[in-house]
Every structure is written in structure tokens, then in C-alpha cells.
Amino acid sequence: MALPAIAPYAMPGAADLPRNKISWTPEPKRAVLLIHDMQRYFVDAFTQGQSPVTELVANIQRIRAHCTALGIPVVYSAQPPDQTPEQRGLQLDFWGKGLRGGPEQKQKIIDALAPAEGDILLTKWRYSAFRNTRLMEVMRDQGRDQLIICGIYAHIGCLQTASDGSMSEVRPFLVADAVADFSLEKHRLALDYASQLVAFVTSTQQLMDAMPLAAPSVDRAQLRSDVAELLMEPVAAIGEDENLLERGMDSIRLMSLVERWRQHGTEVSFVELAEKPTLTDWYALLSSKQPVPVAPGARAS
């Protein structure tokens, strides 16, 4: 039995999300990202270059990059080709022999989402990514109890994985615009069921907003280098407690520094810099703007 061709449909957005019955918050130290069955064999069933597969791939790329930056482990599931009837089990009755091997290597994860060094690739045998795999072992070994789920198909493997995880005290987060399905109807079915019974349904942006990237810590040497560059002076010539306004740090250069640091996630104002114009004071100011780490368990769950 071949997979059905999937007609394009609009990917649900944040406004289309169902109301969640619970109010969990994703936490980087507790989470694992699962990229579910994004193999060429399954992705090829969609109309390439159209919704929902365009948003699906782009959003998973965003989530993966964000999770990697936060130190969240990334796990891939992939079904093996040429399974025996014993390996296939009852799925043989529903879907036939499944994925086949061959020169096109359709069993591989699509190139746009190819696993990186250090990512974990699990061989998946049933709808749920927990069944007959090391996923639960991986999570427990790392003391993690949240699973961010994206991939295909929403109402089959993604939903069954969420359901299976919730039965073992794992909190699933199903990312509504980073999963896709046979149709919008099936997609919504998965979101509605999950939000009421087994998972927290969120969007890609909401997920990332709930786990912000910390601004980089202040580098004293970089601060001195930034100032020296604008003043066109050697780095060693800038004194720690020297009045930089008197050295030529005019309003245009000050605003250049404000914008540069803002782009790197640190908000300072022109007035703050002008009031105490020394490297020592600016270092203290920038350090005070860094986010304070949240102690484990301080967030709502």
C-alpha cells in the first residue's frame, strides 16, 4: 500500500491553536527535541514547494537551531526499510510493507534536516517513538521529562508518541506548525486531541519565546576593542578609567555602540553611556544588563 499523495493545505497558525487544558512551560534543562520521521519517503508524499511542507521544514529548522543553542538534546526517529513481517507487526495490515530500500535511499532524513554530529538517531518500529527504542532511556539518563515533538505525521506517530510519553510522566509539547499530516482535518484532529488529553500544543514562535536565548556574557576585551575601533586608536592606548568623551567618543559613536550591543541582545541607552563614560563603568553597566539565571524548578510546570 503506497502512501496517499497529500494535497496542499494551509499550515495552522498561532490563531488556529486549540485551547490547552493544562499550562506547562518548556524548560531547556528538562527538554528533549524529537524530530519525528522526517524521511524522504514520507516527505515526498507532500506537494513540494507548497504548504504545509514548506512551513514544516522551515519551522523545524528554526526549532532545531534554537534547541541546539540552548543545549537541548536533539533526537531523530527514522523507520528502517525492508522490514520482515515479524518486524512490521500489525502495521503490515494497515500500511503494507512500508518503506523499501534502493538507490534513492528514501529512508534517509531529508537533507534540509540532516542530523548533526552529536544528535541521536533512533530506529523506529511502531507509531510511538518510545516503543522498542532508547528514547525513554535517553531521557531518563539525562534527567529530562519534557519532549518537544515535531515532524510527520501529526495524527499518527506524533500523536501516539505524545500519548505514550504522557503515560510515563513525560510532558509532551506538540508544535502545531512544525507537524504536518494527510489533510488539514487530520492535522486539527491531532491538535485537538493532544491539547485536551496528552500534551501542550504550541506554535514554533511561542515555543521559542518561552525559552529565550540568554544574551552572551560581557567580554571585557571585546568591549575595549569595540571602543578602540570607533576611536581609531590602538587597543592598548585606551585607559580603563579614562573619560572617553574627552578622547573623542562623540554622540554618533555612542549611538553606534548602543545599536551594536542592542543587536547582540543587550539594551543600553545613550544617556547611560554618556553619564559615566569610562571602560570600567561601561563594563559594570553591560554586566548588570545580563539576564539572571533562573534556578531549576523556579518556573511553573
Protein backbone atom coordinates (compact mmCIF):
# COMPACT_ATOMS: atom_id res chain seq x y z
CA MET A 1 0.00 0.00 0.00
CA ALA A 2 1.59 3.26 -1.12
CA LEU A 3 1.23 6.44 0.86
CA PRO A 4 -1.51 8.74 -0.47
CA ALA A 5 -0.49 11.91 -2.27
CA ILE A 6 -1.15 14.82 0.08
CA ALA A 7 -2.94 17.85 -1.37
CA PRO A 8 -1.66 21.27 -0.22
CA TYR A 9 -3.38 22.87 2.75
CA ALA A 10 -2.69 25.94 4.88
CA MET A 11 -0.46 25.27 7.85
CA PRO A 12 -2.31 26.18 11.07
CA GLY A 13 -1.01 29.34 12.71
CA ALA A 14 -0.98 30.62 16.28
CA ALA A 15 -4.56 31.90 15.89
CA ASP A 16 -5.72 28.39 15.00
CA LEU A 17 -4.37 26.67 18.09
CA PRO A 18 -6.87 24.91 20.36
CA ARG A 19 -7.15 25.96 23.98
CA ASN A 20 -4.87 23.82 26.13
CA LYS A 21 -6.30 22.09 29.15
CA ILE A 22 -3.00 22.42 31.01
CA SER A 23 -0.39 25.22 31.25
CA TRP A 24 3.03 23.63 31.11
CA THR A 25 6.12 25.68 30.34
CA PRO A 26 9.03 24.20 28.32
CA GLU A 27 12.35 24.33 30.18
CA PRO A 28 15.68 23.80 28.39
CA LYS A 29 17.19 21.74 31.22
CA ARG A 30 14.23 19.35 31.19
CA ALA A 31 13.55 19.07 27.45
CA VAL A 32 14.50 16.83 24.54
CA LEU A 33 13.64 17.69 20.92
CA LEU A 34 12.22 14.87 18.80
CA ILE A 35 12.29 15.31 15.01
CA HIS A 36 9.85 12.59 14.04
CA ASP A 37 10.18 10.56 10.81
CA MET A 38 11.31 13.38 8.53
CA GLN A 39 12.46 10.85 5.93
CA ARG A 40 12.37 11.41 2.20
CA TYR A 41 9.86 8.57 1.81
CA PHE A 42 7.27 10.38 3.94
CA VAL A 43 8.09 13.97 2.96
CA ASP A 44 7.75 13.14 -0.75
CA ALA A 45 4.03 12.47 -0.23
CA PHE A 46 3.52 16.24 0.12
CA THR A 47 3.35 18.70 -2.78
CA GLN A 48 6.85 20.14 -2.71
CA GLY A 49 7.19 23.91 -2.56
CA GLN A 50 3.70 24.42 -1.12
CA SER A 51 2.03 24.46 2.29
CA PRO A 52 2.21 22.74 4.65
CA VAL A 53 5.58 21.18 3.84
CA THR A 54 7.37 24.50 3.25
CA GLU A 55 6.46 25.79 6.72
CA LEU A 56 7.02 22.34 8.22
CA VAL A 57 10.67 22.17 7.18
CA ALA A 58 11.42 25.84 7.87
CA ASN A 59 9.91 25.73 11.36
CA ILE A 60 11.70 22.52 12.31
CA GLN A 61 14.97 24.13 11.18
CA ARG A 62 14.25 27.11 13.45
CA ILE A 63 13.36 24.90 16.40
CA ARG A 64 16.40 22.69 15.96
CA ALA A 65 18.77 25.68 15.82
CA HIS A 66 17.12 27.22 18.88
CA CYS A 67 17.24 23.99 20.87
CA THR A 68 20.87 23.38 19.92
CA ALA A 69 21.79 26.87 21.12
CA LEU A 70 20.09 26.09 24.44
CA GLY A 71 21.87 22.76 24.86
CA ILE A 72 18.69 20.72 24.38
CA PRO A 73 19.45 17.22 23.04
CA VAL A 74 18.14 16.56 19.52
CA VAL A 75 16.75 13.10 18.73
CA TYR A 76 15.62 11.85 15.31
CA SER A 77 13.36 8.89 14.66
CA ALA A 78 13.52 7.02 11.36
CA GLN A 79 11.83 3.85 10.19
CA PRO A 80 14.07 1.19 8.63
CA PRO A 81 13.44 -0.15 5.12
CA ASP A 82 12.64 -3.72 4.11
CA GLN A 83 11.16 -4.85 7.42
CA THR A 84 10.21 -8.50 7.79
CA PRO A 85 6.57 -9.35 8.58
CA GLU A 86 7.63 -10.03 12.17
CA GLN A 87 9.32 -6.65 12.46
CA ARG A 88 6.42 -4.88 10.77
CA GLY A 89 3.81 -6.44 13.03
CA LEU A 90 0.21 -5.23 12.77
CA GLN A 91 1.33 -2.17 10.80
CA LEU A 92 1.64 -4.59 7.88
CA ASP A 93 -2.15 -4.95 7.90
CA PHE A 94 -2.75 -1.21 7.95
CA TRP A 95 0.07 0.11 5.73
CA GLY A 96 1.58 -2.81 3.87
CA LYS A 97 5.30 -3.47 3.71
CA GLY A 98 6.22 0.15 4.28
CA LEU A 99 9.45 1.83 3.34
CA ARG A 100 11.64 0.00 0.82
CA GLY A 101 15.37 0.33 0.28
CA GLY A 102 17.01 1.10 -3.05
CA PRO A 103 19.22 3.57 -4.86
CA GLU A 104 17.11 6.62 -3.95
CA GLN A 105 17.73 5.97 -0.24
CA LYS A 106 14.33 7.28 0.71
CA GLN A 107 14.86 6.05 4.25
CA LYS A 108 17.26 8.93 4.96
CA ILE A 109 16.31 12.12 6.78
CA ILE A 110 15.83 14.92 4.24
CA ASP A 111 18.96 16.93 3.52
CA ALA A 112 17.49 20.15 4.95
CA LEU A 113 17.23 18.49 8.35
CA ALA A 114 20.16 16.09 8.27
CA PRO A 115 21.31 15.14 11.79
CA ALA A 116 24.37 16.96 13.09
CA GLU A 117 27.27 15.44 14.96
CA GLY A 118 26.12 14.60 18.46
CA ASP A 119 22.45 14.22 17.54
CA ILE A 120 20.80 10.89 18.33
CA LEU A 121 19.18 8.80 15.57
CA LEU A 122 16.71 6.16 16.73
CA THR A 123 15.41 3.29 14.63
CA LYS A 124 11.62 3.40 15.00
CA TRP A 125 9.42 0.31 14.69
CA ARG A 126 5.92 1.42 15.74
CA TYR A 127 3.79 4.56 15.68
CA SER A 128 5.20 5.72 19.02
CA ALA A 129 8.86 6.73 19.08
CA PHE A 130 9.03 5.25 22.59
CA ARG A 131 8.20 1.67 21.53
CA ASN A 132 11.24 -0.61 21.18
CA THR A 133 13.64 2.35 21.10
CA ARG A 134 16.08 4.01 23.52
CA LEU A 135 14.13 7.26 23.72
CA MET A 136 12.91 6.82 27.29
CA GLU A 137 16.34 5.60 28.35
CA VAL A 138 17.97 8.66 26.76
CA MET A 139 15.59 10.99 28.59
CA ARG A 140 15.91 9.31 31.97
CA ASP A 141 19.70 9.08 31.74
CA GLN A 142 19.80 12.86 31.29
CA GLY A 143 17.13 13.59 33.89
CA ARG A 144 14.75 15.06 31.31
CA ASP A 145 10.97 14.79 31.39
CA GLN A 146 9.77 17.11 28.61
CA LEU A 147 9.58 16.13 24.93
CA ILE A 148 9.20 18.70 22.16
CA ILE A 149 7.61 16.91 19.18
CA CYS A 150 7.74 17.99 15.55
CA GLY A 151 7.65 16.10 12.24
CA ILE A 152 5.15 13.81 10.50
CA TYR A 153 2.51 12.58 10.62
CA ALA A 154 0.64 14.60 13.25
CA HIS A 155 -2.30 12.29 13.94
CA ILE A 156 -0.28 9.06 13.74
CA GLY A 157 3.28 8.87 15.06
CA CYS A 158 3.47 12.36 16.58
CA LEU A 159 0.21 11.99 18.49
CA GLN A 160 0.93 8.40 19.55
CA THR A 161 4.37 9.42 20.80
CA ALA A 162 2.81 12.27 22.80
CA SER A 163 0.21 9.90 24.25
CA ASP A 164 2.76 7.22 25.07
CA GLY A 165 5.06 9.74 26.74
CA SER A 166 2.31 11.19 28.88
CA MET A 167 1.52 7.70 30.19
CA SER A 168 5.09 7.57 31.53
CA GLU A 169 5.09 11.04 33.15
CA VAL A 170 6.82 12.73 30.21
CA ARG A 171 5.34 16.14 29.39
CA PRO A 172 4.91 16.38 25.58
CA PHE A 173 4.91 19.70 23.72
CA LEU A 174 3.36 19.28 20.27
CA VAL A 175 4.40 22.10 17.93
CA ALA A 176 1.33 22.80 15.79
CA ASP A 177 3.08 24.48 12.86
CA ALA A 178 6.06 22.12 12.90
CA VAL A 179 4.00 18.97 12.27
CA ALA A 180 2.04 18.05 9.15
CA ASP A 181 -0.50 15.44 8.12
CA PHE A 182 -2.57 13.88 5.34
CA SER A 183 -5.04 16.78 5.48
CA LEU A 184 -5.99 19.84 7.50
CA GLU A 185 -8.78 17.79 9.07
CA LYS A 186 -6.31 15.15 10.34
CA HIS A 187 -3.90 17.88 11.44
CA ARG A 188 -6.58 19.59 13.54
CA LEU A 189 -7.73 16.26 14.94
CA ALA A 190 -4.24 15.67 16.32
CA LEU A 191 -4.00 19.16 17.83
CA ASP A 192 -7.45 18.99 19.43
CA TYR A 193 -6.89 15.54 20.93
CA ALA A 194 -3.42 16.38 22.20
CA SER A 195 -4.43 19.69 23.79
CA GLN A 196 -7.24 18.09 25.77
CA LEU A 197 -5.72 14.78 26.82
CA VAL A 198 -1.97 14.26 26.50
CA ALA A 199 0.13 17.33 25.58
CA PHE A 200 0.61 21.07 25.50
CA VAL A 201 0.04 22.41 21.97
CA THR A 202 2.12 25.41 20.98
CA SER A 203 3.47 27.20 17.91
CA THR A 204 7.09 27.49 16.83
CA GLN A 205 7.34 31.13 17.87
CA GLN A 206 5.55 30.59 21.17
CA LEU A 207 7.89 27.70 21.98
CA MET A 208 10.98 29.79 21.23
CA ASP A 209 9.63 32.80 23.15
CA ALA A 210 9.06 30.54 26.18
CA MET A 211 12.74 29.50 26.08
CA PRO A 212 14.66 32.70 25.24
CA LEU A 213 18.32 32.58 24.39
CA ALA A 214 20.43 34.24 27.05
CA ALA A 215 22.43 37.25 25.95
CA PRO A 216 26.15 36.46 25.75
CA SER A 217 28.21 37.33 28.82
CA VAL A 218 30.19 40.54 28.65
CA ASP A 219 33.71 40.19 27.28
CA ARG A 220 35.94 42.94 28.70
CA ALA A 221 38.47 42.57 25.92
CA GLN A 222 35.76 42.86 23.27
CA LEU A 223 34.39 45.99 24.93
CA ARG A 224 37.82 47.63 24.81
CA SER A 225 38.24 46.52 21.19
CA ASP A 226 34.85 47.98 20.19
CA VAL A 227 35.73 51.35 21.73
CA ALA A 228 39.24 51.42 20.24
CA GLU A 229 37.84 50.63 16.79
CA LEU A 230 35.42 53.57 16.89
CA LEU A 231 38.09 55.93 18.20
CA MET A 232 40.58 54.61 15.64
CA GLU A 233 43.11 54.09 18.42
CA PRO A 234 45.28 51.12 19.41
CA VAL A 235 43.55 48.91 21.97
CA ALA A 236 46.38 49.36 24.48
CA ALA A 237 46.03 53.15 24.30
CA ILE A 238 42.56 53.18 25.92
CA GLY A 239 42.75 53.59 29.70
CA GLU A 240 40.28 51.76 31.94
CA ASP A 241 39.16 54.91 33.79
CA GLU A 242 39.77 57.46 31.07
CA ASN A 243 36.92 59.83 30.14
CA LEU A 244 36.03 58.56 26.67
CA LEU A 245 34.02 61.65 25.77
CA GLU A 246 37.15 63.75 26.15
CA ARG A 247 39.02 61.25 23.99
CA GLY A 248 36.61 61.77 21.08
CA MET A 249 33.65 59.48 21.76
CA ASP A 250 31.01 61.79 20.28
CA SER A 251 27.24 61.22 20.08
CA ILE A 252 27.40 59.43 16.71
CA ARG A 253 29.96 56.94 18.01
CA LEU A 254 27.96 56.45 21.22
CA MET A 255 24.82 55.62 19.24
CA SER A 256 26.84 53.20 17.14
CA LEU A 257 27.80 51.34 20.33
CA VAL A 258 24.20 51.36 21.57
CA GLU A 259 22.99 49.80 18.32
CA ARG A 260 25.82 47.26 18.17
CA TRP A 261 25.12 45.96 21.68
CA ARG A 262 21.37 46.00 21.14
CA GLN A 263 21.80 43.70 18.14
CA HIS A 264 23.64 41.29 20.43
CA GLY A 265 20.78 41.27 22.93
CA THR A 266 21.92 43.89 25.47
CA GLU A 267 19.79 47.02 25.85
CA VAL A 268 21.65 50.16 26.93
CA SER A 269 20.81 53.81 26.32
CA PHE A 270 22.78 56.79 25.06
CA VAL A 271 22.21 58.57 28.38
CA GLU A 272 23.55 55.64 30.44
CA LEU A 273 26.78 55.61 28.44
CA ALA A 274 27.20 59.38 28.48
CA GLU A 275 26.70 59.71 32.24
CA LYS A 276 29.69 57.51 33.11
CA PRO A 277 31.96 57.42 30.03
CA THR A 278 34.75 55.07 31.12
CA LEU A 279 35.53 51.46 30.22
CA THR A 280 35.22 50.47 33.89
CA ASP A 281 31.74 51.98 34.18
CA TRP A 282 30.57 50.61 30.83
CA TYR A 283 31.70 47.11 31.74
CA ALA A 284 29.76 47.30 35.01
CA LEU A 285 26.71 48.65 33.14
CA LEU A 286 26.75 45.92 30.49
CA SER A 287 27.27 43.23 33.13
CA SER A 288 24.22 44.47 35.03
CA LYS A 289 22.11 44.07 31.88
CA GLN A 290 22.78 40.35 31.53
CA PRO A 291 19.90 38.01 32.38
CA VAL A 292 19.90 36.42 35.82
CA PRO A 293 19.86 32.60 35.62
CA VAL A 294 16.62 31.02 36.81
CA ALA A 295 17.09 28.29 39.42
CA PRO A 296 15.82 24.84 38.45
CA GLY A 297 12.20 24.42 39.42
CA ALA A 298 11.53 28.15 39.64
CA ARG A 299 9.35 28.13 36.55
CA ALA A 300 5.76 26.99 36.54
CA SER A 301 5.20 23.49 35.19
